[in-house]
Amino acid sequence: MALIYKIFRASEYAEFKAEGTTLGAPIDLADGYIHFSTAEQAEETAAKHFAGEDGLVLLGLEADNLGDALRWEPSRGGALFPHLYRALEARDVSFAEDLVLKNGAHQFQGLLK
């Protein structure tokens, strides 16, 4: 099974934990689906959309468990990115880990599988 990843700001993750469900971050709401990244894409996603931000949480999810609501669509540079077209539920999440910011870069060592 392939893992996919979602990066949330601490406040977004706290709201998700409290509610047990989310339609995502503001960009997800604007686009109409929840953005995810593969292991190969996650670090670039963090650098591009969360540069220098502390207090991020990385969620890992089993792509196969998301069913037909998960679609692989072209995005940055034509690469296929996973997009979820339904609410994300707490039961979907395999793990959640804080992303450490060190010397301006997010540390992914040991988190991406």
C-alpha atoms as a PDB file:
ATOM      1  CA  MET A   1       0.000   0.000   0.000  1.00  0.00           C
ATOM      2  CA  ALA A   2       1.202   3.463  -0.853  1.00  0.00           C
ATOM      3  CA  LEU A   3       1.218   6.251   1.687  1.00  0.00           C
ATOM      4  CA  ILE A   4       0.226   9.778   0.729  1.00  0.00           C
ATOM      5  CA  TYR A   5       0.793  12.882   2.839  1.00  0.00           C
ATOM      6  CA  LYS A   6      -1.039  16.020   3.932  1.00  0.00           C
ATOM      7  CA  ILE A   7       0.601  18.997   5.611  1.00  0.00           C
ATOM      8  CA  PHE A   8      -1.518  21.033   8.004  1.00  0.00           C
ATOM      9  CA  ARG A   9      -0.703  24.091  10.062  1.00  0.00           C
ATOM     10  CA  ALA A  10      -1.051  23.358  13.787  1.00  0.00           C
ATOM     11  CA  SER A  11      -4.322  25.303  14.028  1.00  0.00           C
ATOM     12  CA  GLU A  12      -5.815  23.424  11.058  1.00  0.00           C
ATOM     13  CA  TYR A  13      -4.752  20.097  12.543  1.00  0.00           C
ATOM     14  CA  ALA A  14      -6.147  21.009  15.978  1.00  0.00           C
ATOM     15  CA  GLU A  15      -9.515  21.838  14.403  1.00  0.00           C
ATOM     16  CA  PHE A  16      -9.455  18.559  12.458  1.00  0.00           C
ATOM     17  CA  LYS A  17      -8.687  16.592  15.632  1.00  0.00           C
ATOM     18  CA  ALA A  18     -11.468  18.343  17.540  1.00  0.00           C
ATOM     19  CA  GLU A  19     -14.071  17.853  14.786  1.00  0.00           C
ATOM     20  CA  GLY A  20     -12.926  14.432  13.546  1.00  0.00           C
ATOM     21  CA  THR A  21     -13.439  15.553   9.962  1.00  0.00           C
ATOM     22  CA  THR A  22     -12.280  18.350   7.666  1.00  0.00           C
ATOM     23  CA  LEU A  23     -12.677  19.639   4.151  1.00  0.00           C
ATOM     24  CA  GLY A  24      -9.065  20.800   4.370  1.00  0.00           C
ATOM     25  CA  ALA A  25      -7.071  23.986   4.515  1.00  0.00           C
ATOM     26  CA  PRO A  26      -8.174  27.226   2.812  1.00  0.00           C
ATOM     27  CA  ILE A  27      -6.515  26.213  -0.491  1.00  0.00           C
ATOM     28  CA  ASP A  28      -8.411  22.910  -0.408  1.00  0.00           C
ATOM     29  CA  LEU A  29     -11.710  24.685   0.185  1.00  0.00           C
ATOM     30  CA  ALA A  30     -10.992  27.072  -2.688  1.00  0.00           C
ATOM     31  CA  ASP A  31     -10.070  24.250  -5.090  1.00  0.00           C
ATOM     32  CA  GLY A  32     -12.887  21.889  -4.078  1.00  0.00           C
ATOM     33  CA  TYR A  33     -10.696  18.961  -3.060  1.00  0.00           C
ATOM     34  CA  ILE A  34      -8.028  18.119  -0.484  1.00  0.00           C
ATOM     35  CA  HIS A  35      -4.459  18.287  -1.773  1.00  0.00           C
ATOM     36  CA  PHE A  36      -2.038  15.479  -0.914  1.00  0.00           C
ATOM     37  CA  SER A  37       1.518  14.642  -1.933  1.00  0.00           C
ATOM     38  CA  THR A  38       3.443  11.447  -2.484  1.00  0.00           C
ATOM     39  CA  ALA A  39       6.665  10.727  -0.598  1.00  0.00           C
ATOM     40  CA  GLU A  40       8.579  12.102  -3.591  1.00  0.00           C
ATOM     41  CA  GLN A  41       6.515  15.322  -3.645  1.00  0.00           C
ATOM     42  CA  ALA A  42       6.095  16.155   0.057  1.00  0.00           C
ATOM     43  CA  GLU A  43       9.368  18.010   0.641  1.00  0.00           C
ATOM     44  CA  GLU A  44       8.875  20.200  -2.429  1.00  0.00           C
ATOM     45  CA  THR A  45       5.290  20.886  -1.354  1.00  0.00           C
ATOM     46  CA  ALA A  46       6.521  22.006   2.074  1.00  0.00           C
ATOM     47  CA  ALA A  47       9.207  24.237   0.549  1.00  0.00           C
ATOM     48  CA  LYS A  48       6.818  25.789  -1.968  1.00  0.00           C
ATOM     49  CA  HIS A  49       3.703  26.315   0.151  1.00  0.00           C
ATOM     50  CA  PHE A  50       5.011  26.394   3.746  1.00  0.00           C
ATOM     51  CA  ALA A  51       8.490  27.924   3.438  1.00  0.00           C
ATOM     52  CA  GLY A  52       9.863  28.904   6.848  1.00  0.00           C
ATOM     53  CA  GLU A  53       6.619  28.057   8.674  1.00  0.00           C
ATOM     54  CA  ASP A  54       6.960  26.380  12.033  1.00  0.00           C
ATOM     55  CA  GLY A  55       4.208  24.371  13.709  1.00  0.00           C
ATOM     56  CA  LEU A  56       3.336  22.081  10.817  1.00  0.00           C
ATOM     57  CA  VAL A  57       1.931  18.572  11.122  1.00  0.00           C
ATOM     58  CA  LEU A  58       2.507  15.839   8.541  1.00  0.00           C
ATOM     59  CA  LEU A  59      -0.299  13.301   8.157  1.00  0.00           C
ATOM     60  CA  GLY A  60       0.263   9.958   6.469  1.00  0.00           C
ATOM     61  CA  LEU A  61      -2.629   8.047   4.908  1.00  0.00           C
ATOM     62  CA  GLU A  62      -2.972   4.764   3.036  1.00  0.00           C
ATOM     63  CA  ALA A  63      -4.041   5.787  -0.474  1.00  0.00           C
ATOM     64  CA  ASP A  64      -5.855   2.487  -1.065  1.00  0.00           C
ATOM     65  CA  ASN A  65      -8.174   3.112   1.893  1.00  0.00           C
ATOM     66  CA  LEU A  66      -9.604   6.310   0.377  1.00  0.00           C
ATOM     67  CA  GLY A  67     -11.518   4.594  -2.424  1.00  0.00           C
ATOM     68  CA  ASP A  68     -12.857   6.246  -5.547  1.00  0.00           C
ATOM     69  CA  ALA A  69     -12.879   9.689  -3.906  1.00  0.00           C
ATOM     70  CA  LEU A  70      -9.077   9.800  -4.358  1.00  0.00           C
ATOM     71  CA  ARG A  71      -8.053  10.864  -7.842  1.00  0.00           C
ATOM     72  CA  TRP A  72      -4.575  11.227  -9.302  1.00  0.00           C
ATOM     73  CA  GLU A  73      -4.485  14.425 -11.342  1.00  0.00           C
ATOM     74  CA  PRO A  74      -1.767  16.426 -13.091  1.00  0.00           C
ATOM     75  CA  SER A  75      -0.465  19.446 -11.214  1.00  0.00           C
ATOM     76  CA  ARG A  76       2.972  20.969 -10.656  1.00  0.00           C
ATOM     77  CA  GLY A  77       5.089  20.232 -13.735  1.00  0.00           C
ATOM     78  CA  GLY A  78       2.528  17.748 -15.036  1.00  0.00           C
ATOM     79  CA  ALA A  79       3.216  15.304 -12.183  1.00  0.00           C
ATOM     80  CA  LEU A  80       0.247  13.344 -10.861  1.00  0.00           C
ATOM     81  CA  PHE A  81      -0.837  14.422  -7.390  1.00  0.00           C
ATOM     82  CA  PRO A  82      -3.431  12.719  -5.174  1.00  0.00           C
ATOM     83  CA  HIS A  83      -6.581  14.787  -4.614  1.00  0.00           C
ATOM     84  CA  LEU A  84      -9.384  13.739  -2.260  1.00  0.00           C
ATOM     85  CA  TYR A  85     -12.938  14.659  -3.297  1.00  0.00           C
ATOM     86  CA  ARG A  86     -14.638  14.099   0.038  1.00  0.00           C
ATOM     87  CA  ALA A  87     -14.133  15.105   3.649  1.00  0.00           C
ATOM     88  CA  LEU A  88     -11.044  13.758   5.359  1.00  0.00           C
ATOM     89  CA  GLU A  89     -11.965  11.748   8.434  1.00  0.00           C
ATOM     90  CA  ALA A  90      -9.832  11.013  11.473  1.00  0.00           C
ATOM     91  CA  ARG A  91     -10.079   7.283  10.779  1.00  0.00           C
ATOM     92  CA  ASP A  92      -8.353   7.859   7.401  1.00  0.00           C
ATOM     93  CA  VAL A  93      -5.112   8.976   9.076  1.00  0.00           C
ATOM     94  CA  SER A  94      -2.387   6.378   9.663  1.00  0.00           C
ATOM     95  CA  PHE A  95      -0.094   8.761  11.527  1.00  0.00           C
ATOM     96  CA  ALA A  96       0.453  12.418  12.388  1.00  0.00           C
ATOM     97  CA  GLU A  97       3.917  13.807  13.188  1.00  0.00           C
ATOM     98  CA  ASP A  98       5.184  17.301  13.860  1.00  0.00           C
ATOM     99  CA  LEU A  99       7.427  18.648  11.110  1.00  0.00           C
ATOM    100  CA  VAL A 100      10.566  20.099  12.653  1.00  0.00           C
ATOM    101  CA  LEU A 101      11.892  23.305  11.088  1.00  0.00           C
ATOM    102  CA  LYS A 102      15.695  23.411  11.225  1.00  0.00           C
ATOM    103  CA  ASN A 103      17.800  26.077   9.524  1.00  0.00           C
ATOM    104  CA  GLY A 104      14.753  27.123   7.502  1.00  0.00           C
ATOM    105  CA  ALA A 105      14.035  23.634   6.123  1.00  0.00           C
ATOM    106  CA  HIS A 106      11.450  21.093   7.220  1.00  0.00           C
ATOM    107  CA  GLN A 107      12.950  17.816   8.384  1.00  0.00           C
ATOM    108  CA  PHE A 108      11.319  14.765   6.800  1.00  0.00           C
ATOM    109  CA  GLN A 109      13.912  12.133   7.780  1.00  0.00           C
ATOM    110  CA  GLY A 110      12.203   8.952   8.886  1.00  0.00           C
ATOM    111  CA  LEU A 111       8.701  10.311   8.170  1.00  0.00           C
ATOM    112  CA  LEU A 112       8.262   9.484   4.488  1.00  0.00           C
ATOM    113  CA  LYS A 113       7.816   5.819   3.747  1.00  0.00           C
END
